[in-house]
Amino acid sequence: MKVVIIGNGIAGITAAIELRKKSDCEIVVVSEETEYFFSRTALMYVFMGHMKFEHTQPYEKSFWQNQNIILKKAKVKSINASQNFLNLENGEKLSYDFLVIASGSKPNKFNWPGQDLNGVSGLYHKSDLEYLESYSSKIKHAVVVGGGLIGVELAEMLKSRGKEVTFLVREGSFWDIVMSEKEGRMLEKHIISHGINLKLNTELKEIKGSSEVEGLITNHGEMIDCQFVGLTVGVSPNIDFIKESGININRGILVNDFLQTNIQNIFAIGDCAEIQNPQLGRRPIEAVWYTGKMMGEALAKSLSGVKTQYNPGHWFNSAKFFDIEYQTYGNVPAKVNESQVELYWEKENKAVRIVFEKASKKFLGINTFGIRMRHQFFESVLNQNQSVDFVLKNLEKANFDPEFYKKYEKEIRNEFLKSI
């Protein structure tokens, strides 16, 4: 049996490594971006000088040969699903018995005038890091467009090199699709405190310049002089190369609960996969590191003969906003509905927001800022449908901050108990 995997991100590589543990089949991983798997979330730290690129590679180069996993640096041009082979850009044909598409995502562009000028880039691929590094010396003032996690990372990176940074956020409060207004306001203050010129309710209209970026115009008609524009307005599944293959697509590659496409021997995982029947409260496409890893693990079991349904479990994510670490567990909507109650506490760039059911007091989820929490604790709480009272009583058990860190659990609990 020969399994070919398109993409060497966390989803594709997890599938390859886990499959090797269970099978002696032939495994080939094809990637256009890099020959070796690396931690994409570490790109910002390479630019900021905290590490070298080779430090982002968690496996020695000899690992792949020792595991008998073939790595092939090539671009896939198209898929011939009826005859089970890939057409590569170099003219080569690569056959397979089973195909796993883990091609990830690509940055969104919305046909802005000037979006293809020199000095316009995102921060999604190794080539973006290399481009930003080579272009950095030309930048005095940079504008970052888009108020998500990658936008914050790019703003921090540029500021670390002494660049003036303006940050355009379309929404009226920061990341309001995910955060409550109180959380957003706290993060706004923190971002501004790091010298970032944050502009809310502001969108990109046009990028100006002849061959290189010279400035941009906002939706308010304001002209901002700059030499670099960072586009971080989300991503879309990277699936252009499969559109003539007969594989069913919507926004992403449509897959069932077993990550299988409409073609029996072709699967899709990671950012490019769109679950046809997602669990209640989950999105069809979740471009998140840990869900890609879980997809790879589940599919490896199926390919080794143990048919396994993908089960993402409870929602979890983590990120960093300059100095503030963020974690979320369970269902914490930006705006609660009539059947839900939220509790909010904030102090010294730290905050906690808990959401629970009004009638039953069942704990639904938590956001934490600046206080590290144990994944295992909240996974157990959510699995057991525990009450908000149980969570408040056991906040000390949830805390994962290092020794000697200031603890706030007693203060948080007392504040929340007043509101229940």
Protein backbone atom coordinates (compact mmCIF):
# COMPACT_ATOMS: atom_id res chain seq x y z
CA MET A 1 0.00 0.00 0.00
CA LYS A 2 1.27 3.46 -0.93
CA VAL A 3 -0.03 6.53 0.87
CA VAL A 4 0.78 9.97 -0.57
CA ILE A 5 0.22 13.03 1.60
CA ILE A 6 0.05 16.51 0.06
CA GLY A 7 1.32 19.02 2.62
CA ASN A 8 3.86 18.82 5.44
CA GLY A 9 2.12 20.97 8.02
CA ILE A 10 0.96 19.64 11.38
CA ALA A 11 -1.98 17.69 9.90
CA GLY A 12 -0.05 15.93 7.13
CA ILE A 13 3.03 15.17 9.24
CA THR A 14 0.98 13.87 12.15
CA ALA A 15 -0.84 11.54 9.76
CA ALA A 16 2.49 10.30 8.37
CA ILE A 17 4.16 9.72 11.75
CA GLU A 18 1.12 8.09 13.36
CA LEU A 19 0.55 5.88 10.31
CA ARG A 20 4.16 4.72 10.42
CA LYS A 21 3.65 3.56 14.02
CA LYS A 22 0.82 1.32 12.84
CA SER A 23 1.84 0.23 9.35
CA ASP A 24 4.85 -0.60 7.18
CA CYS A 25 3.18 0.87 4.08
CA GLU A 26 5.02 3.24 1.75
CA ILE A 27 4.54 6.87 2.83
CA VAL A 28 5.41 9.87 0.66
CA VAL A 29 4.92 13.46 1.84
CA VAL A 30 4.88 16.12 -0.90
CA SER A 31 5.41 19.79 -0.04
CA GLU A 32 6.06 22.84 -2.17
CA GLU A 33 6.96 25.06 0.79
CA THR A 34 9.82 23.28 2.55
CA GLU A 35 11.47 19.88 2.52
CA TYR A 36 11.24 19.50 6.31
CA PHE A 37 8.34 20.04 8.69
CA PHE A 38 8.63 23.12 10.91
CA SER A 39 6.56 24.87 13.57
CA ARG A 40 4.67 27.57 11.70
CA THR A 41 3.72 29.40 14.90
CA ALA A 42 7.43 30.01 15.59
CA LEU A 43 8.04 32.13 12.47
CA MET A 44 7.59 35.36 14.42
CA TYR A 45 10.30 34.38 16.90
CA VAL A 46 12.77 33.76 14.09
CA PHE A 47 12.18 37.29 12.78
CA MET A 48 12.48 38.74 16.28
CA GLY A 49 15.83 37.01 16.80
CA HIS A 50 14.70 34.65 19.57
CA MET A 51 15.63 31.56 17.54
CA LYS A 52 16.99 30.42 14.20
CA PHE A 53 14.83 28.76 11.57
CA GLU A 54 16.45 25.38 12.17
CA HIS A 55 15.24 25.60 15.77
CA THR A 56 11.64 25.47 14.47
CA GLN A 57 12.17 21.93 13.17
CA PRO A 58 11.20 19.47 15.95
CA TYR A 59 12.74 16.44 14.22
CA GLU A 60 16.31 15.73 13.18
CA LYS A 61 16.75 15.34 9.43
CA SER A 62 17.76 11.73 9.98
CA PHE A 63 14.37 11.06 11.60
CA TRP A 64 12.58 10.82 8.26
CA GLN A 65 15.00 8.29 6.80
CA ASN A 66 14.94 6.28 10.01
CA GLN A 67 11.14 6.22 9.90
CA ASN A 68 11.13 5.36 6.20
CA ILE A 69 9.00 8.39 5.36
CA ILE A 70 9.89 9.84 1.95
CA LEU A 71 9.89 13.65 1.78
CA LYS A 72 9.48 15.13 -1.69
CA LYS A 73 9.79 18.87 -2.35
CA ALA A 74 7.50 19.50 -5.31
CA LYS A 75 4.37 21.39 -6.30
CA VAL A 76 1.22 19.43 -7.15
CA LYS A 77 -0.34 20.74 -10.36
CA SER A 78 -3.41 18.50 -10.46
CA ILE A 79 -4.90 15.20 -9.30
CA ASN A 80 -5.97 12.41 -11.64
CA ALA A 81 -8.42 10.73 -9.29
CA SER A 82 -9.65 8.14 -11.79
CA GLN A 83 -6.13 6.75 -12.36
CA ASN A 84 -4.69 7.43 -8.90
CA PHE A 85 -1.77 9.72 -9.62
CA LEU A 86 -0.64 13.32 -9.10
CA ASN A 87 0.65 15.59 -11.83
CA LEU A 88 3.59 17.59 -10.48
CA GLU A 89 4.73 20.96 -11.84
CA ASN A 90 8.04 19.41 -12.97
CA GLY A 91 6.17 17.02 -15.27
CA GLU A 92 6.54 13.99 -13.00
CA LYS A 93 3.61 11.71 -12.18
CA LEU A 94 3.33 10.35 -8.63
CA SER A 95 1.07 7.34 -8.11
CA TYR A 96 -0.81 6.45 -4.93
CA ASP A 97 -3.19 3.88 -3.48
CA PHE A 98 -4.51 6.31 -0.89
CA LEU A 99 -4.24 10.09 -1.08
CA VAL A 100 -4.35 12.49 1.86
CA ILE A 101 -4.79 16.17 1.02
CA ALA A 102 -3.40 18.38 3.79
CA SER A 103 -2.62 21.42 1.67
CA GLY A 104 -3.44 23.97 4.36
CA SER A 105 -4.67 27.46 3.66
CA LYS A 106 -3.72 30.60 1.78
CA PRO A 107 -4.09 34.27 2.79
CA ASN A 108 -7.21 36.12 1.73
CA LYS A 109 -7.01 38.95 -0.74
CA PHE A 110 -10.02 40.99 -1.77
CA ASN A 111 -8.87 42.57 -5.04
CA TRP A 112 -7.66 45.78 -3.46
CA PRO A 113 -5.93 48.08 -5.95
CA GLY A 114 -2.18 47.73 -5.37
CA GLN A 115 -2.36 44.44 -3.44
CA ASP A 116 0.35 42.91 -5.64
CA LEU A 117 2.91 45.71 -5.24
CA ASN A 118 6.34 45.03 -3.76
CA GLY A 119 6.06 45.60 -0.04
CA VAL A 120 2.75 43.76 0.40
CA SER A 121 2.85 40.43 2.23
CA GLY A 122 1.19 38.24 4.82
CA LEU A 123 2.70 35.95 7.43
CA TYR A 124 1.62 32.43 6.65
CA HIS A 125 4.50 30.65 4.91
CA LYS A 126 8.27 30.39 5.19
CA SER A 127 8.53 32.46 2.00
CA ASP A 128 6.61 35.27 3.75
CA LEU A 129 9.21 35.29 6.52
CA GLU A 130 12.04 35.37 3.99
CA TYR A 131 10.37 38.17 2.05
CA LEU A 132 9.79 40.25 5.18
CA GLU A 133 13.40 39.73 6.24
CA SER A 134 14.74 40.86 2.86
CA TYR A 135 12.37 43.86 2.68
CA SER A 136 12.72 44.99 6.29
CA SER A 137 15.50 47.52 5.65
CA LYS A 138 13.16 49.53 3.37
CA ILE A 139 10.47 49.88 6.01
CA LYS A 140 10.10 52.91 8.22
CA HIS A 141 6.33 52.77 8.64
CA ALA A 142 4.27 49.60 8.23
CA VAL A 143 0.50 49.16 8.19
CA VAL A 144 -1.02 45.86 9.29
CA VAL A 145 -4.53 45.18 7.97
CA GLY A 146 -6.77 42.75 9.85
CA GLY A 147 -7.38 42.34 13.55
CA GLY A 148 -6.84 38.63 14.15
CA LEU A 149 -4.07 36.65 15.79
CA ILE A 150 -1.65 36.84 12.85
CA GLY A 151 -2.16 40.60 12.64
CA VAL A 152 -1.07 41.00 16.25
CA GLU A 153 1.97 38.77 15.63
CA LEU A 154 3.01 40.78 12.59
CA ALA A 155 2.58 44.07 14.43
CA GLU A 156 4.78 42.81 17.29
CA MET A 157 7.41 41.54 14.85
CA LEU A 158 7.68 44.85 13.02
CA LYS A 159 7.71 46.84 16.25
CA SER A 160 10.58 44.66 17.53
CA ARG A 161 12.67 45.96 14.59
CA GLY A 162 11.91 49.57 15.52
CA LYS A 163 9.33 50.14 12.77
CA GLU A 164 6.42 52.51 13.21
CA VAL A 165 3.28 50.37 13.03
CA THR A 166 -0.33 51.29 12.30
CA PHE A 167 -2.90 48.54 12.85
CA LEU A 168 -6.20 48.71 10.93
CA VAL A 169 -9.10 46.79 12.48
CA ARG A 170 -12.44 46.73 10.70
CA GLU A 171 -14.49 46.04 13.84
CA GLY A 172 -15.51 48.49 16.54
CA SER A 173 -13.76 46.49 19.24
CA PHE A 174 -10.80 44.17 18.91
CA TRP A 175 -11.57 40.69 17.52
CA ASP A 176 -15.25 41.07 18.31
CA ILE A 177 -16.18 37.88 16.49
CA VAL A 178 -14.47 36.01 19.35
CA MET A 179 -14.03 38.44 22.25
CA SER A 180 -16.56 40.30 24.37
CA GLU A 181 -16.31 44.08 24.28
CA LYS A 182 -14.65 44.17 27.73
CA GLU A 183 -11.99 41.67 26.63
CA GLY A 184 -11.47 43.56 23.39
CA ARG A 185 -11.03 46.88 25.19
CA MET A 186 -8.43 45.40 27.53
CA LEU A 187 -6.44 44.04 24.58
CA GLU A 188 -6.75 47.35 22.72
CA LYS A 189 -5.16 49.20 25.64
CA HIS A 190 -2.40 46.61 25.82
CA ILE A 191 -1.64 46.83 22.10
CA ILE A 192 -1.57 50.64 22.21
CA SER A 193 0.73 50.54 25.26
CA HIS A 194 3.32 48.82 23.05
CA GLY A 195 3.45 51.80 20.71
CA ILE A 196 1.05 50.52 18.05
CA ASN A 197 -1.23 53.07 16.36
CA LEU A 198 -4.50 51.11 16.54
CA LYS A 199 -7.35 52.32 14.31
CA LEU A 200 -10.74 50.66 14.91
CA ASN A 201 -13.64 50.80 12.44
CA THR A 202 -11.05 51.24 9.69
CA GLU A 203 -10.61 49.24 6.48
CA LEU A 204 -8.17 49.19 3.61
CA LYS A 205 -9.51 50.74 0.41
CA GLU A 206 -6.43 51.04 -1.84
CA ILE A 207 -2.65 50.57 -1.71
CA LYS A 208 -0.70 53.30 -3.48
CA GLY A 209 2.61 53.08 -5.32
CA SER A 210 4.18 52.51 -8.73
CA SER A 211 6.25 49.36 -8.19
CA GLU A 212 6.65 49.48 -4.41
CA VAL A 213 4.27 50.47 -1.62
CA GLU A 214 4.23 54.20 -0.94
CA GLY A 215 1.09 54.40 1.16
CA LEU A 216 -2.55 53.41 1.43
CA ILE A 217 -6.00 54.92 1.58
CA THR A 218 -8.53 53.84 4.20
CA ASN A 219 -12.30 53.65 3.87
CA HIS A 220 -12.44 57.04 5.60
CA GLY A 221 -10.35 58.62 2.85
CA GLU A 222 -7.28 58.95 5.05
CA MET A 223 -3.91 58.64 3.30
CA ILE A 224 -1.27 56.84 5.37
CA ASP A 225 2.32 57.01 4.12
CA CYS A 226 4.04 53.64 4.54
CA GLN A 227 6.52 51.30 2.87
CA PHE A 228 4.95 47.98 3.83
CA VAL A 229 1.41 46.61 4.08
CA GLY A 230 0.81 43.39 6.00
CA LEU A 231 -2.37 41.63 4.86
CA THR A 232 -3.73 39.46 7.69
CA VAL A 233 -7.43 39.34 6.89
CA GLY A 234 -7.89 35.63 7.36
CA VAL A 235 -7.24 32.57 5.25
CA SER A 236 -9.05 30.28 2.82
CA PRO A 237 -8.48 26.60 2.03
CA ASN A 238 -5.66 26.04 -0.46
CA ILE A 239 -7.58 23.95 -2.97
CA ASP A 240 -7.21 25.55 -6.41
CA PHE A 241 -5.21 22.60 -7.73
CA ILE A 242 -8.04 20.10 -7.13
CA LYS A 243 -10.90 21.96 -8.82
CA GLU A 244 -10.85 19.76 -11.95
CA SER A 245 -10.28 16.49 -10.08
CA GLY A 246 -13.87 15.45 -9.39
CA ILE A 247 -13.38 15.89 -5.64
CA ASN A 248 -16.38 17.67 -4.13
CA ILE A 249 -15.62 21.10 -2.69
CA ASN A 250 -17.45 24.01 -1.13
CA ARG A 251 -15.23 26.54 0.64
CA GLY A 252 -12.96 23.62 1.46
CA ILE A 253 -12.72 19.95 0.51
CA LEU A 254 -15.92 18.28 1.68
CA VAL A 255 -15.32 15.30 3.96
CA ASN A 256 -17.49 13.01 6.07
CA ASP A 257 -17.03 12.13 9.73
CA PHE A 258 -14.13 9.85 8.75
CA LEU A 259 -12.38 12.65 6.80
CA GLN A 260 -13.15 10.89 3.52
CA THR A 261 -14.07 12.76 0.35
CA ASN A 262 -16.62 11.62 -2.21
CA ILE A 263 -13.81 9.55 -3.75
CA GLN A 264 -13.24 6.45 -1.62
CA ASN A 265 -9.43 6.47 -1.49
CA ILE A 266 -8.98 10.25 -1.08
CA PHE A 267 -9.10 12.05 2.28
CA ALA A 268 -8.61 15.64 3.44
CA ILE A 269 -7.41 16.96 6.80
CA GLY A 270 -6.35 20.23 8.37
CA ASP A 271 -7.15 23.75 7.19
CA CYS A 272 -8.29 22.61 3.73
CA ALA A 273 -10.93 20.14 5.03
CA GLU A 274 -14.58 21.12 5.42
CA ILE A 275 -16.61 18.81 7.68
CA GLN A 276 -20.03 18.24 6.13
CA ASN A 277 -21.77 17.60 9.46
CA PRO A 278 -19.80 19.41 12.16
CA GLN A 279 -20.61 18.94 15.83
CA LEU A 280 -22.97 21.44 17.42
CA GLY A 281 -21.14 24.69 18.06
CA ARG A 282 -18.19 23.82 15.79
CA ARG A 283 -17.36 25.34 12.43
CA PRO A 284 -17.09 23.25 9.24
CA ILE A 285 -13.54 24.60 8.70
CA GLU A 286 -11.27 25.12 11.70
CA ALA A 287 -7.83 26.41 10.74
CA VAL A 288 -6.29 25.60 14.12
CA TRP A 289 -3.08 23.72 14.94
CA TYR A 290 -4.55 21.26 17.40
CA THR A 291 -7.55 20.25 15.24
CA GLY A 292 -5.16 19.51 12.36
CA LYS A 293 -3.14 17.29 14.67
CA MET A 294 -6.26 15.47 15.85
CA MET A 295 -7.41 14.93 12.26
CA GLY A 296 -4.03 13.43 11.39
CA GLU A 297 -4.21 11.07 14.35
CA ALA A 298 -7.73 9.89 13.54
CA LEU A 299 -7.01 9.35 9.84
CA ALA A 300 -3.83 7.38 10.56
CA LYS A 301 -5.93 4.87 12.50
CA SER A 302 -8.40 4.54 9.63
CA LEU A 303 -5.64 4.07 7.04
CA SER A 304 -4.06 1.37 9.20
CA GLY A 305 -7.31 -0.61 9.21
CA VAL A 306 -9.10 0.66 12.32
CA LYS A 307 -11.87 2.88 10.97
CA THR A 308 -11.96 5.90 13.27
CA GLN A 309 -14.39 8.82 13.30
CA TYR A 310 -12.90 12.27 13.76
CA ASN A 311 -14.02 13.70 17.08
CA PRO A 312 -12.62 17.17 17.84
CA GLY A 313 -13.84 17.13 21.44
CA HIS A 314 -14.30 20.42 23.25
CA TRP A 315 -13.10 23.64 21.67
CA PHE A 316 -9.69 24.83 22.78
CA ASN A 317 -7.27 27.44 21.50
CA SER A 318 -4.38 29.54 22.76
CA ALA A 319 -2.46 32.57 21.54
CA LYS A 320 -0.37 35.53 22.68
CA PHE A 321 -1.13 39.24 22.41
CA PHE A 322 2.28 40.84 23.01
CA ASP A 323 2.76 40.07 26.75
CA ILE A 324 -0.69 38.60 27.41
CA GLU A 325 -1.18 34.85 26.99
CA TYR A 326 -4.72 33.79 26.03
CA GLN A 327 -6.50 30.47 26.43
CA THR A 328 -10.07 29.43 25.72
CA TYR A 329 -11.87 26.20 26.66
CA GLY A 330 -15.41 25.19 25.72
CA ASN A 331 -18.13 27.50 24.46
CA VAL A 332 -17.43 31.17 25.24
CA PRO A 333 -19.42 33.24 22.71
CA ALA A 334 -18.56 36.88 22.15
CA LYS A 335 -22.14 37.71 23.14
CA VAL A 336 -24.11 35.40 25.42
CA ASN A 337 -27.76 34.59 24.68
CA GLU A 338 -30.74 34.83 27.02
CA SER A 339 -30.18 31.34 28.44
CA GLN A 340 -26.56 32.05 29.37
CA VAL A 341 -24.76 34.07 32.03
CA GLU A 342 -21.24 35.46 31.84
CA LEU A 343 -18.90 36.44 34.67
CA TYR A 344 -16.00 38.79 34.02
CA TRP A 345 -13.00 39.75 36.16
CA GLU A 346 -10.08 41.95 35.11
CA LYS A 347 -6.96 43.25 36.84
CA GLU A 348 -3.43 44.24 35.76
CA ASN A 349 -3.65 42.94 32.16
CA LYS A 350 -5.20 39.73 33.45
CA ALA A 351 -8.79 38.69 32.90
CA VAL A 352 -11.14 35.73 33.22
CA ARG A 353 -14.54 35.31 31.58
CA ILE A 354 -16.73 32.33 32.44
CA VAL A 355 -19.99 31.42 30.68
CA PHE A 356 -22.61 29.06 32.14
CA GLU A 357 -26.25 28.08 31.65
CA LYS A 358 -28.65 30.28 33.58
CA ALA A 359 -31.15 27.57 34.53
CA SER A 360 -28.87 24.62 35.36
CA LYS A 361 -25.68 26.56 36.18
CA LYS A 362 -23.83 24.09 33.92
CA PHE A 363 -20.33 25.37 33.08
CA LEU A 364 -19.98 26.07 29.35
CA GLY A 365 -16.54 27.59 28.92
CA ILE A 366 -13.82 30.01 29.99
CA ASN A 367 -11.48 32.61 28.49
CA THR A 368 -8.33 33.46 30.41
CA PHE A 369 -5.82 36.25 29.80
CA GLY A 370 -2.48 36.30 31.58
CA ILE A 371 -3.33 33.29 33.78
CA ARG A 372 -2.38 29.85 32.50
CA MET A 373 -4.92 27.07 33.01
CA ARG A 374 -4.67 23.28 32.77
CA HIS A 375 -6.18 21.77 29.65
CA GLN A 376 -6.79 18.47 31.44
CA PHE A 377 -8.82 20.16 34.18
CA PHE A 378 -11.27 21.86 31.81
CA GLU A 379 -11.48 18.84 29.51
CA SER A 380 -12.62 16.83 32.53
CA VAL A 381 -15.03 19.53 33.71
CA LEU A 382 -16.66 19.77 30.29
CA ASN A 383 -16.84 15.99 29.84
CA GLN A 384 -18.55 15.63 33.21
CA ASN A 385 -20.97 18.55 32.67
CA GLN A 386 -19.83 20.12 35.93
CA SER A 387 -21.44 23.26 37.36
CA VAL A 388 -19.97 26.72 37.49
CA ASP A 389 -19.91 26.33 41.29
CA PHE A 390 -17.59 23.33 40.92
CA VAL A 391 -15.23 25.30 38.67
CA LEU A 392 -15.09 28.28 41.04
CA LYS A 393 -14.48 25.99 44.00
CA ASN A 394 -11.57 24.30 42.20
CA LEU A 395 -9.91 27.23 40.46
CA GLU A 396 -6.63 26.54 42.29
CA LYS A 397 -6.51 23.07 40.72
CA ALA A 398 -6.98 24.62 37.28
CA ASN A 399 -4.10 27.09 37.62
CA PHE A 400 -0.96 26.18 35.66
CA ASP A 401 1.17 29.25 36.31
CA PRO A 402 4.76 28.60 37.46
CA GLU A 403 5.73 28.66 41.10
CA PHE A 404 6.00 32.13 42.72
CA TYR A 405 3.55 33.69 40.24
CA LYS A 406 0.93 35.84 41.93
CA LYS A 407 -2.32 33.93 42.37
CA TYR A 408 -5.74 35.51 41.85
CA GLU A 409 -8.10 32.55 42.33
CA LYS A 410 -9.48 33.67 45.70
CA GLU A 411 -10.13 37.18 44.42
CA ILE A 412 -11.75 35.88 41.22
CA ARG A 413 -13.95 33.45 43.14
CA ASN A 414 -15.13 36.09 45.62
CA GLU A 415 -15.88 38.53 42.82
CA PHE A 416 -17.86 35.95 40.82
CA LEU A 417 -19.80 34.63 43.82
CA LYS A 418 -21.23 38.12 44.31
CA SER A 419 -22.73 37.93 40.81
CA ILE A 420 -24.29 34.46 40.97
